[in-house]
Each structure stands twice: as C-alpha cells, then as structure tokens.
Amino acid sequence: MPHWRRVTKFDAGALWLANRHYSRRKPNSWQFMPPGQTIVLKASYAVFGWWRPAPASGIKQMNGLDGWTCTIFRNESKVLSSELILEAETFVEECGPSGFITYVYDEKVRSVNPGACFKLAGWRRTGRSADKKKTLLQKPFALRGVKA
C-alpha cells in the first residue's frame, strides 16, 4: 500500500514536519524547498522533498552533480524510513547521470551511523560536502525503488 501522496511545497502538513527537521533555516516560512523543480511527498507523519535546478534555467548544482537531491526527509511515523525512501524514489521519472543525491549532517543526527536509513535503501557513501561536515550519499537511478 502506498504511503506517499504528492503535495505542493506550500502544504501545511508538510510544513509542520519540515519545521521539525534539523536542516530548517527559517521555521514557519511559507515554503521549505529551494527554487527549481521539486517533488514534495507527504505521508502520515512523514515528509520527503526532491529538488533539482530547472533544466531550462542553465543553473547547475554547486557540487557539480546532475541528479535529483533529497533536500529534506523527516519520518515520525511507524513505517521504516528505508521503506519510505524506496517508495519516494519511484516518484522520480527521469534523472541525470549522478542519480539520487543527499547529504546527511553527521553531527546533527542522533545516530552512530548517519544516513543508515538511506544506506538500507541501497544508497552508498560517495564523499563529503565541501565543508567536510556532511556525508554525501548517492544511488544510481537504475536502482530506483530497489533495495540494492
């Protein structure tokens, strides 16, 4: 049974969950996703956001990668986070050569294994952020929805 439904980046329920995420810079601002193309997913007590620069804009991601980036994932439900991630991947219909991308701010998560839920969904550590504070995780688009 599907957990996610697609909503806008202005959805009140998604905003409420986004406000509780460590990456939230301006809680209660009217949107929580960066400009560009977005896919925002809402489940009962969970929010997930995909982002990429609008292809027609000519703007490139600062990290030089070309794919869909998970900019926010907050799960307060009883569903396994890895299961929600796998399902969220299926909402992306096409992707750049870098596949799926996310960063996990190691010091801001309560885990001895930052990004464990993404790793259980088949994502692999591929590097660090420019400031060396975040772990870069990626997954090939060809493996979307598959626990590799």
C-alpha atoms as a PDB file:
ATOM      1  CA  MET A   1       0.000   0.000   0.000  1.00  0.00           C
ATOM      2  CA  PRO A   2       1.470   3.382  -0.972  1.00  0.00           C
ATOM      3  CA  HIS A   3       2.370   5.717   1.848  1.00  0.00           C
ATOM      4  CA  TRP A   4       3.210   8.902  -0.050  1.00  0.00           C
ATOM      5  CA  ARG A   5       0.997  11.362  -1.824  1.00  0.00           C
ATOM      6  CA  ARG A   6       2.352  14.257  -3.828  1.00  0.00           C
ATOM      7  CA  VAL A   7       1.686  17.740  -2.397  1.00  0.00           C
ATOM      8  CA  THR A   8       2.990  21.251  -3.064  1.00  0.00           C
ATOM      9  CA  LYS A   9       5.901  22.870  -1.280  1.00  0.00           C
ATOM     10  CA  PHE A  10       3.311  25.049   0.474  1.00  0.00           C
ATOM     11  CA  ASP A  11       1.394  22.150   2.088  1.00  0.00           C
ATOM     12  CA  ALA A  12       0.621  22.950   5.747  1.00  0.00           C
ATOM     13  CA  GLY A  13       1.086  19.371   6.995  1.00  0.00           C
ATOM     14  CA  ALA A  14       4.394  19.006   5.189  1.00  0.00           C
ATOM     15  CA  LEU A  15       5.468  22.409   6.523  1.00  0.00           C
ATOM     16  CA  TRP A  16       4.706  21.312  10.088  1.00  0.00           C
ATOM     17  CA  LEU A  17       7.008  18.295   9.701  1.00  0.00           C
ATOM     18  CA  ALA A  18       9.657  20.297   7.834  1.00  0.00           C
ATOM     19  CA  ASN A  19       9.810  22.739  10.756  1.00  0.00           C
ATOM     20  CA  ARG A  20      10.959  19.846  12.942  1.00  0.00           C
ATOM     21  CA  HIS A  21      13.874  18.889  10.633  1.00  0.00           C
ATOM     22  CA  TYR A  22      17.441  19.864  11.567  1.00  0.00           C
ATOM     23  CA  SER A  23      18.060  21.499   8.193  1.00  0.00           C
ATOM     24  CA  ARG A  24      15.213  24.010   8.556  1.00  0.00           C
ATOM     25  CA  ARG A  25      16.721  27.506   8.379  1.00  0.00           C
ATOM     26  CA  LYS A  26      13.556  29.617   8.680  1.00  0.00           C
ATOM     27  CA  PRO A  27      10.855  27.705  10.541  1.00  0.00           C
ATOM     28  CA  ASN A  28       7.300  28.696   9.607  1.00  0.00           C
ATOM     29  CA  SER A  29       8.331  30.425   6.378  1.00  0.00           C
ATOM     30  CA  TRP A  30       5.682  29.801   3.713  1.00  0.00           C
ATOM     31  CA  GLN A  31       7.719  27.196   1.821  1.00  0.00           C
ATOM     32  CA  PHE A  32      10.512  24.803   2.719  1.00  0.00           C
ATOM     33  CA  MET A  33      12.012  23.801  -0.635  1.00  0.00           C
ATOM     34  CA  PRO A  34      14.566  25.707  -2.731  1.00  0.00           C
ATOM     35  CA  PRO A  35      13.651  27.275  -6.074  1.00  0.00           C
ATOM     36  CA  GLY A  36      13.763  24.910  -9.050  1.00  0.00           C
ATOM     37  CA  GLN A  37      11.949  21.674  -9.797  1.00  0.00           C
ATOM     38  CA  THR A  38      10.546  19.948  -6.739  1.00  0.00           C
ATOM     39  CA  ILE A  39       8.679  16.813  -5.843  1.00  0.00           C
ATOM     40  CA  VAL A  40       7.212  17.063  -2.355  1.00  0.00           C
ATOM     41  CA  LEU A  41       5.757  13.952  -0.761  1.00  0.00           C
ATOM     42  CA  LYS A  42       3.618  13.759   2.354  1.00  0.00           C
ATOM     43  CA  ALA A  43       2.650  10.656   4.293  1.00  0.00           C
ATOM     44  CA  SER A  44       1.083  10.320   7.684  1.00  0.00           C
ATOM     45  CA  TYR A  45       3.758  11.857   9.918  1.00  0.00           C
ATOM     46  CA  ALA A  46       6.452  11.973   7.215  1.00  0.00           C
ATOM     47  CA  VAL A  47       7.682  14.438   4.579  1.00  0.00           C
ATOM     48  CA  PHE A  48      10.167  13.953   1.725  1.00  0.00           C
ATOM     49  CA  GLY A  49      11.435  16.537  -0.754  1.00  0.00           C
ATOM     50  CA  TRP A  50      13.244  16.014  -4.075  1.00  0.00           C
ATOM     51  CA  TRP A  51      14.884  19.008  -5.776  1.00  0.00           C
ATOM     52  CA  ARG A  52      16.907  19.806  -8.870  1.00  0.00           C
ATOM     53  CA  PRO A  53      17.621  23.029 -10.746  1.00  0.00           C
ATOM     54  CA  ALA A  54      15.104  23.667 -13.503  1.00  0.00           C
ATOM     55  CA  PRO A  55      16.834  22.245 -16.611  1.00  0.00           C
ATOM     56  CA  ALA A  56      15.843  25.221 -18.792  1.00  0.00           C
ATOM     57  CA  SER A  57      17.484  27.650 -16.326  1.00  0.00           C
ATOM     58  CA  GLY A  58      21.021  26.542 -17.169  1.00  0.00           C
ATOM     59  CA  ILE A  59      21.789  26.593 -13.427  1.00  0.00           C
ATOM     60  CA  LYS A  60      23.978  23.759 -12.163  1.00  0.00           C
ATOM     61  CA  GLN A  61      24.159  22.313  -8.674  1.00  0.00           C
ATOM     62  CA  MET A  62      27.030  23.786  -6.673  1.00  0.00           C
ATOM     63  CA  ASN A  63      28.514  20.306  -6.141  1.00  0.00           C
ATOM     64  CA  GLY A  64      28.664  19.733  -9.924  1.00  0.00           C
ATOM     65  CA  LEU A  65      26.369  16.704  -9.720  1.00  0.00           C
ATOM     66  CA  ASP A  66      23.394  16.228 -12.024  1.00  0.00           C
ATOM     67  CA  GLY A  67      20.518  14.343 -10.442  1.00  0.00           C
ATOM     68  CA  TRP A  68      17.620  14.670  -8.028  1.00  0.00           C
ATOM     69  CA  THR A  69      18.628  15.695  -4.496  1.00  0.00           C
ATOM     70  CA  CYS A  70      16.717  14.770  -1.373  1.00  0.00           C
ATOM     71  CA  THR A  71      16.759  18.095   0.481  1.00  0.00           C
ATOM     72  CA  ILE A  72      14.525  17.007   3.348  1.00  0.00           C
ATOM     73  CA  PHE A  73      13.305  13.756   4.853  1.00  0.00           C
ATOM     74  CA  ARG A  74      11.564  13.629   8.207  1.00  0.00           C
ATOM     75  CA  ASN A  75       9.855  10.478   9.391  1.00  0.00           C
ATOM     76  CA  GLU A  76       7.859  10.475  12.611  1.00  0.00           C
ATOM     77  CA  SER A  77       5.697   7.526  11.548  1.00  0.00           C
ATOM     78  CA  LYS A  78       5.977   3.860  12.466  1.00  0.00           C
ATOM     79  CA  VAL A  79       6.924   2.924   8.885  1.00  0.00           C
ATOM     80  CA  LEU A  80      10.589   2.065   8.343  1.00  0.00           C
ATOM     81  CA  SER A  81      12.457   5.059   6.917  1.00  0.00           C
ATOM     82  CA  SER A  82      14.224   2.873   4.356  1.00  0.00           C
ATOM     83  CA  GLU A  83      10.819   1.686   3.075  1.00  0.00           C
ATOM     84  CA  LEU A  84       9.631   5.298   2.701  1.00  0.00           C
ATOM     85  CA  ILE A  85      12.838   6.242   0.864  1.00  0.00           C
ATOM     86  CA  LEU A  86      12.448   3.356  -1.603  1.00  0.00           C
ATOM     87  CA  GLU A  87       8.873   4.405  -2.307  1.00  0.00           C
ATOM     88  CA  ALA A  88       9.879   8.091  -2.663  1.00  0.00           C
ATOM     89  CA  GLU A  89      12.392   7.096  -5.344  1.00  0.00           C
ATOM     90  CA  THR A  90       9.572   5.818  -7.547  1.00  0.00           C
ATOM     91  CA  PHE A  91       8.095   9.336  -7.857  1.00  0.00           C
ATOM     92  CA  VAL A  92      11.125  10.401  -9.935  1.00  0.00           C
ATOM     93  CA  GLU A  93      10.543   9.514 -13.588  1.00  0.00           C
ATOM     94  CA  GLU A  94      13.857  10.620 -15.073  1.00  0.00           C
ATOM     95  CA  CYS A  95      17.192  11.588 -13.620  1.00  0.00           C
ATOM     96  CA  GLY A  96      20.587  12.959 -14.536  1.00  0.00           C
ATOM     97  CA  PRO A  97      23.734  10.814 -14.616  1.00  0.00           C
ATOM     98  CA  SER A  98      24.507  11.418 -10.917  1.00  0.00           C
ATOM     99  CA  GLY A  99      21.293   9.640  -9.896  1.00  0.00           C
ATOM    100  CA  PHE A 100      19.818  10.255  -6.473  1.00  0.00           C
ATOM    101  CA  ILE A 101      21.777  12.521  -4.128  1.00  0.00           C
ATOM    102  CA  THR A 102      21.544  13.539  -0.475  1.00  0.00           C
ATOM    103  CA  TYR A 103      23.711  14.930   2.272  1.00  0.00           C
ATOM    104  CA  VAL A 104      23.488  13.927   5.932  1.00  0.00           C
ATOM    105  CA  TYR A 105      24.832  16.384   8.512  1.00  0.00           C
ATOM    106  CA  ASP A 106      26.650  13.861  10.690  1.00  0.00           C
ATOM    107  CA  GLU A 107      26.730  15.879  13.926  1.00  0.00           C
ATOM    108  CA  LYS A 108      23.043  16.822  13.741  1.00  0.00           C
ATOM    109  CA  VAL A 109      21.569  13.341  13.589  1.00  0.00           C
ATOM    110  CA  ARG A 110      21.206  11.072  16.604  1.00  0.00           C
ATOM    111  CA  SER A 111      22.900   8.028  15.125  1.00  0.00           C
ATOM    112  CA  VAL A 112      26.238   6.297  15.276  1.00  0.00           C
ATOM    113  CA  ASN A 113      25.646   5.530  11.588  1.00  0.00           C
ATOM    114  CA  PRO A 114      24.481   8.782   9.932  1.00  0.00           C
ATOM    115  CA  GLY A 115      22.331   8.076   6.893  1.00  0.00           C
ATOM    116  CA  ALA A 116      21.641   4.481   7.942  1.00  0.00           C
ATOM    117  CA  CYS A 117      18.098   4.554   6.560  1.00  0.00           C
ATOM    118  CA  PHE A 118      19.376   5.666   3.142  1.00  0.00           C
ATOM    119  CA  LYS A 119      22.102   3.014   3.233  1.00  0.00           C
ATOM    120  CA  LEU A 120      19.478   0.343   3.991  1.00  0.00           C
ATOM    121  CA  ALA A 121      17.642   1.567   0.875  1.00  0.00           C
ATOM    122  CA  GLY A 122      20.747   0.944  -1.256  1.00  0.00           C
ATOM    123  CA  TRP A 123      22.396   4.378  -1.154  1.00  0.00           C
ATOM    124  CA  ARG A 124      26.201   4.464  -0.876  1.00  0.00           C
ATOM    125  CA  ARG A 125      28.584   6.939   0.656  1.00  0.00           C
ATOM    126  CA  THR A 126      30.424   8.670  -2.195  1.00  0.00           C
ATOM    127  CA  GLY A 127      32.123  11.590  -0.477  1.00  0.00           C
ATOM    128  CA  ARG A 128      31.851  14.601   1.785  1.00  0.00           C
ATOM    129  CA  SER A 129      30.457  18.085   1.430  1.00  0.00           C
ATOM    130  CA  ALA A 130      32.822  20.951   0.631  1.00  0.00           C
ATOM    131  CA  ASP A 131      32.843  21.963   4.319  1.00  0.00           C
ATOM    132  CA  LYS A 132      33.508  18.299   5.306  1.00  0.00           C
ATOM    133  CA  LYS A 133      30.574  18.331   7.769  1.00  0.00           C
ATOM    134  CA  LYS A 134      28.142  16.260   5.737  1.00  0.00           C
ATOM    135  CA  THR A 135      28.249  12.772   4.248  1.00  0.00           C
ATOM    136  CA  LEU A 136      27.353  12.587   0.547  1.00  0.00           C
ATOM    137  CA  LEU A 137      25.180   9.594  -0.322  1.00  0.00           C
ATOM    138  CA  GLN A 138      24.107   8.555  -3.823  1.00  0.00           C
ATOM    139  CA  LYS A 139      22.159   5.854  -5.578  1.00  0.00           C
ATOM    140  CA  PRO A 140      22.011   5.119  -9.314  1.00  0.00           C
ATOM    141  CA  PHE A 141      18.667   5.955 -10.894  1.00  0.00           C
ATOM    142  CA  ALA A 142      18.627   2.494 -12.498  1.00  0.00           C
ATOM    143  CA  LEU A 143      18.142   1.066  -8.976  1.00  0.00           C
ATOM    144  CA  ARG A 144      15.199   3.315  -8.043  1.00  0.00           C
ATOM    145  CA  GLY A 145      12.776   1.607  -5.724  1.00  0.00           C
ATOM    146  CA  VAL A 146      15.140  -1.361  -5.323  1.00  0.00           C
ATOM    147  CA  LYS A 147      16.906  -2.234  -2.098  1.00  0.00           C
ATOM    148  CA  ALA A 148      20.284  -2.865  -3.679  1.00  0.00           C
END
